[in-house]
Amino acid sequence: MKSAVVLLPGLNRDRDMIAALTKVSGQAPKTVWQTETELPDVDLIVIPGGFSFGDYLRCGAIAARMPVMRAVADAAKRGVMVMGVCNGFQILLEAGLLPGALMRNSSLQFVCREVKLQVANANTAFTRAYAPNEVIRCPVAHHDGNFFADPDTLARLEGEGRVAFRYAEDTNPNGSLNDIAGILNEDGNVLGLMPHPENLIEAAHGGSDGRGIFESALRVAA
């Protein structure tokens, strides 16, 4: 699988994501700086977590307007898989590639801990390595992960099977509606999720529950 990682000022999970993609796919991803207007020919584009532009204005608001995001949007329209994790999820929302919004955690506190995730739809490009409704472990680290959408949008996400992951076993860390932890676009090739699967892919991490997301994309690309 050929992949690319988008780099933006303030992101701090890019090295973790590069390491995860390299370990799972066997190929180091390309890195793409914010000012690039063209992307390499890849199967998967990932926007990692962090605090792009210091979360100034709104989380992801400035990053979503960088030239590279126009290229990411064009690639998504062509069917290239795109994944945004944590701040990357916020950027995808701000760029209009996914619906809804991510608000301040209901606790008004930064949350950094492990949660449980239910695989709400195991028939997607990012989840097919898991069993339906499988519950996995995954770490989170965010201050603005409270997913919100208007009733019509929420009903559409639920009705179309576009909720990929939910917080399970009373571990919702932020107050997200319907315990939503990750959603898909209409075509199913763009995933945004708050938890960090790249930090739980091997024994050295204490488990490999997050590995299935990358292995699922690998199967699609094969």
Protein backbone atom coordinates (compact mmCIF):
# COMPACT_ATOMS: atom_id res chain seq x y z
CA MET A 1 0.00 0.00 0.00
CA LYS A 2 1.31 3.41 -0.99
CA SER A 3 0.47 6.13 1.49
CA ALA A 4 1.12 9.78 2.28
CA VAL A 5 1.09 11.75 5.53
CA VAL A 6 0.13 15.42 5.46
CA LEU A 7 2.41 17.70 7.50
CA LEU A 8 1.17 20.94 9.03
CA PRO A 9 2.69 23.29 11.63
CA GLY A 10 1.70 22.14 15.11
CA LEU A 11 0.94 18.52 14.33
CA ASN A 12 2.77 16.21 16.76
CA ARG A 13 1.64 12.71 15.83
CA ASP A 14 3.13 12.61 12.36
CA ARG A 15 6.10 10.43 13.38
CA ASP A 16 3.81 7.99 15.16
CA MET A 17 1.63 7.76 12.06
CA ILE A 18 4.62 7.34 9.74
CA ALA A 19 5.95 4.53 11.96
CA ALA A 20 2.56 2.77 12.01
CA LEU A 21 2.09 2.95 8.25
CA THR A 22 5.62 1.71 7.66
CA LYS A 23 5.22 -1.24 10.01
CA VAL A 24 1.85 -2.35 8.66
CA SER A 25 2.38 -1.75 4.93
CA GLY A 26 6.11 -2.41 4.72
CA GLN A 27 6.59 0.89 2.91
CA ALA A 28 7.44 4.27 4.39
CA PRO A 29 4.77 6.84 3.47
CA LYS A 30 5.51 9.96 1.49
CA THR A 31 5.28 13.20 3.45
CA VAL A 32 3.44 16.19 2.00
CA TRP A 33 3.91 19.73 3.29
CA GLN A 34 1.00 22.15 3.71
CA THR A 35 1.88 24.29 0.70
CA GLU A 36 1.86 21.41 -1.80
CA THR A 37 -0.85 21.59 -4.45
CA GLU A 38 -0.30 18.11 -5.87
CA LEU A 39 -0.13 14.76 -4.10
CA PRO A 40 1.86 11.65 -5.01
CA ASP A 41 0.03 8.67 -6.48
CA VAL A 42 -1.02 6.84 -3.30
CA ASP A 43 -3.77 4.58 -1.99
CA LEU A 44 -4.18 6.29 1.39
CA ILE A 45 -3.71 9.85 2.65
CA VAL A 46 -3.53 10.43 6.40
CA ILE A 47 -3.83 13.66 8.37
CA PRO A 48 -2.38 12.95 11.82
CA GLY A 49 -3.19 14.47 15.20
CA GLY A 50 -1.77 17.37 17.13
CA PHE A 51 -2.54 21.06 17.37
CA SER A 52 -2.29 22.48 13.86
CA PHE A 53 -1.58 26.21 13.98
CA GLY A 54 -1.98 26.06 17.76
CA ASP A 55 -5.75 25.39 17.44
CA TYR A 56 -6.07 29.12 16.77
CA LEU A 57 -9.62 30.29 15.86
CA ARG A 58 -11.08 26.75 15.89
CA CYS A 59 -9.32 23.40 15.89
CA GLY A 60 -8.37 22.68 12.28
CA ALA A 61 -9.90 25.88 10.90
CA ILE A 62 -6.65 27.31 9.52
CA ALA A 63 -5.22 23.97 8.42
CA ALA A 64 -8.37 23.23 6.41
CA ARG A 65 -7.62 26.26 4.24
CA MET A 66 -4.08 25.32 3.32
CA PRO A 67 -3.36 24.49 -0.35
CA VAL A 68 -2.70 20.82 0.42
CA MET A 69 -6.26 20.34 1.61
CA ARG A 70 -7.64 21.25 -1.79
CA ALA A 71 -5.47 18.48 -3.21
CA VAL A 72 -6.72 16.10 -0.51
CA ALA A 73 -10.33 16.96 -1.37
CA ASP A 74 -9.68 16.32 -5.07
CA ALA A 75 -8.06 12.97 -4.25
CA ALA A 76 -11.03 11.99 -2.09
CA LYS A 77 -13.40 12.77 -4.97
CA ARG A 78 -11.36 10.37 -7.12
CA GLY A 79 -11.87 7.62 -4.55
CA VAL A 80 -8.50 7.74 -2.77
CA MET A 81 -8.82 6.66 0.87
CA VAL A 82 -8.38 9.52 3.34
CA MET A 83 -8.11 9.22 7.11
CA GLY A 84 -7.97 12.02 9.67
CA VAL A 85 -7.10 11.19 13.28
CA CYS A 86 -7.90 13.57 16.17
CA ASN A 87 -6.83 16.99 14.86
CA GLY A 88 -6.93 15.37 11.43
CA PHE A 89 -10.63 14.60 12.02
CA GLN A 90 -11.20 18.22 13.00
CA ILE A 91 -9.45 19.35 9.82
CA LEU A 92 -11.61 17.08 7.63
CA LEU A 93 -14.74 18.57 9.21
CA GLU A 94 -13.51 22.13 8.73
CA ALA A 95 -12.63 21.33 5.12
CA GLY A 96 -16.14 20.02 4.45
CA LEU A 97 -15.03 16.47 3.68
CA LEU A 98 -17.15 15.18 6.57
CA PRO A 99 -20.35 16.53 8.19
CA GLY A 100 -20.84 17.72 11.75
CA ALA A 101 -18.62 19.49 14.25
CA LEU A 102 -16.28 18.68 17.12
CA MET A 103 -16.89 20.82 20.19
CA ARG A 104 -15.12 21.20 23.52
CA ASN A 105 -15.23 18.04 25.64
CA SER A 106 -18.27 18.04 27.92
CA SER A 107 -15.94 17.95 30.94
CA LEU A 108 -14.17 21.08 29.61
CA GLN A 109 -10.93 19.22 30.27
CA PHE A 110 -8.24 17.66 28.11
CA VAL A 111 -8.68 13.88 28.17
CA CYS A 112 -5.77 11.46 27.73
CA ARG A 113 -6.57 7.82 28.45
CA GLU A 114 -7.55 4.51 26.92
CA VAL A 115 -11.14 3.95 25.81
CA LYS A 116 -13.15 1.08 24.37
CA LEU A 117 -14.46 1.30 20.81
CA GLN A 118 -17.24 -0.69 19.21
CA VAL A 119 -16.87 -1.37 15.49
CA ALA A 120 -20.26 0.01 14.46
CA ASN A 121 -19.84 -0.92 10.78
CA ALA A 122 -17.41 -3.70 9.91
CA ASN A 123 -18.06 -3.46 6.19
CA THR A 124 -15.98 -0.42 5.31
CA ALA A 125 -12.57 0.25 3.81
CA PHE A 126 -11.23 0.96 7.29
CA THR A 127 -12.95 -1.70 9.42
CA ARG A 128 -13.18 -4.94 7.46
CA ALA A 129 -10.36 -6.52 9.47
CA TYR A 130 -12.65 -6.48 12.52
CA ALA A 131 -15.74 -8.51 13.37
CA PRO A 132 -19.14 -6.76 13.46
CA ASN A 133 -19.65 -5.00 16.80
CA GLU A 134 -16.18 -6.06 17.98
CA VAL A 135 -14.97 -4.01 20.94
CA ILE A 136 -11.35 -2.87 20.81
CA ARG A 137 -9.05 -0.75 22.97
CA CYS A 138 -7.67 2.56 21.74
CA PRO A 139 -6.05 5.63 23.33
CA VAL A 140 -7.45 9.15 23.07
CA ALA A 141 -5.82 12.53 23.71
CA HIS A 142 -7.95 15.58 22.93
CA HIS A 143 -9.70 18.65 24.27
CA ASP A 144 -12.27 19.15 21.49
CA GLY A 145 -13.65 15.73 20.59
CA ASN A 146 -17.34 16.15 21.40
CA PHE A 147 -19.04 15.20 18.11
CA PHE A 148 -22.20 17.13 17.27
CA ALA A 149 -24.50 17.17 14.25
CA ASP A 150 -28.01 18.48 13.65
CA PRO A 151 -30.80 15.86 13.90
CA ASP A 152 -31.15 15.37 10.13
CA THR A 153 -27.40 14.88 9.65
CA LEU A 154 -27.20 12.53 12.62
CA ALA A 155 -30.11 10.47 11.30
CA ARG A 156 -28.46 10.28 7.89
CA LEU A 157 -25.14 9.13 9.35
CA GLU A 158 -26.88 6.44 11.37
CA GLY A 159 -29.26 5.35 8.61
CA GLU A 160 -26.54 5.09 5.99
CA GLY A 161 -24.16 3.11 8.20
CA ARG A 162 -21.64 5.92 8.24
CA VAL A 163 -20.82 5.66 11.93
CA ALA A 164 -17.65 3.57 11.86
CA PHE A 165 -16.79 3.54 15.57
CA ARG A 166 -18.58 4.27 18.85
CA TYR A 167 -17.26 4.64 22.35
CA ALA A 168 -18.27 1.49 24.22
CA GLU A 169 -18.69 0.27 27.78
CA ASP A 170 -19.32 3.74 29.23
CA THR A 171 -15.92 5.06 28.11
CA ASN A 172 -17.18 8.06 26.10
CA PRO A 173 -14.50 10.64 27.02
CA ASN A 174 -16.08 13.77 25.55
CA GLY A 175 -19.89 13.63 25.43
CA SER A 176 -20.20 12.88 21.70
CA LEU A 177 -23.75 12.36 20.47
CA ASN A 178 -24.65 8.68 20.13
CA ASP A 179 -21.16 7.85 21.48
CA ILE A 180 -19.77 8.57 18.02
CA ALA A 181 -16.00 8.18 17.78
CA GLY A 182 -15.54 7.98 14.00
CA ILE A 183 -17.59 8.67 10.87
CA LEU A 184 -17.38 8.17 7.10
CA ASN A 185 -18.26 10.28 4.09
CA GLU A 186 -21.04 9.26 1.71
CA ASP A 187 -18.68 7.25 -0.51
CA GLY A 188 -17.05 5.47 2.43
CA ASN A 189 -13.49 6.39 1.45
CA VAL A 190 -12.97 9.20 4.01
CA LEU A 191 -12.76 8.36 7.71
CA GLY A 192 -12.45 10.76 10.61
CA LEU A 193 -11.91 9.45 14.14
CA MET A 194 -10.81 10.95 17.43
CA PRO A 195 -8.93 7.95 18.97
CA HIS A 196 -5.33 7.21 17.96
CA PRO A 197 -5.07 3.72 16.41
CA GLU A 198 -1.45 4.39 15.42
CA ASN A 199 -0.50 4.18 19.09
CA LEU A 200 -1.76 0.63 19.58
CA ILE A 201 -0.48 -1.52 16.74
CA GLU A 202 2.21 -3.75 18.30
CA ALA A 203 3.27 -5.49 21.49
CA ALA A 204 5.57 -2.61 22.40
CA HIS A 205 2.46 -0.43 22.64
CA GLY A 206 0.74 -2.89 24.98
CA GLY A 207 -1.54 -4.30 22.30
CA SER A 208 -2.40 -4.24 18.61
CA ASP A 209 -6.12 -3.40 18.58
CA GLY A 210 -5.62 -0.35 16.36
CA ARG A 211 -3.74 -2.28 13.71
CA GLY A 212 -6.92 -3.49 12.02
CA ILE A 213 -7.72 -0.02 10.70
CA PHE A 214 -4.47 0.05 8.74
CA GLU A 215 -4.76 -3.61 7.71
CA SER A 216 -8.27 -2.95 6.41
CA ALA A 217 -6.99 -0.15 4.18
CA LEU A 218 -4.14 -2.41 3.10
CA ARG A 219 -6.64 -5.07 1.94
CA VAL A 220 -8.52 -2.49 -0.11
CA ALA A 221 -5.33 -1.26 -1.73
CA ALA A 222 -4.05 -4.76 -2.52
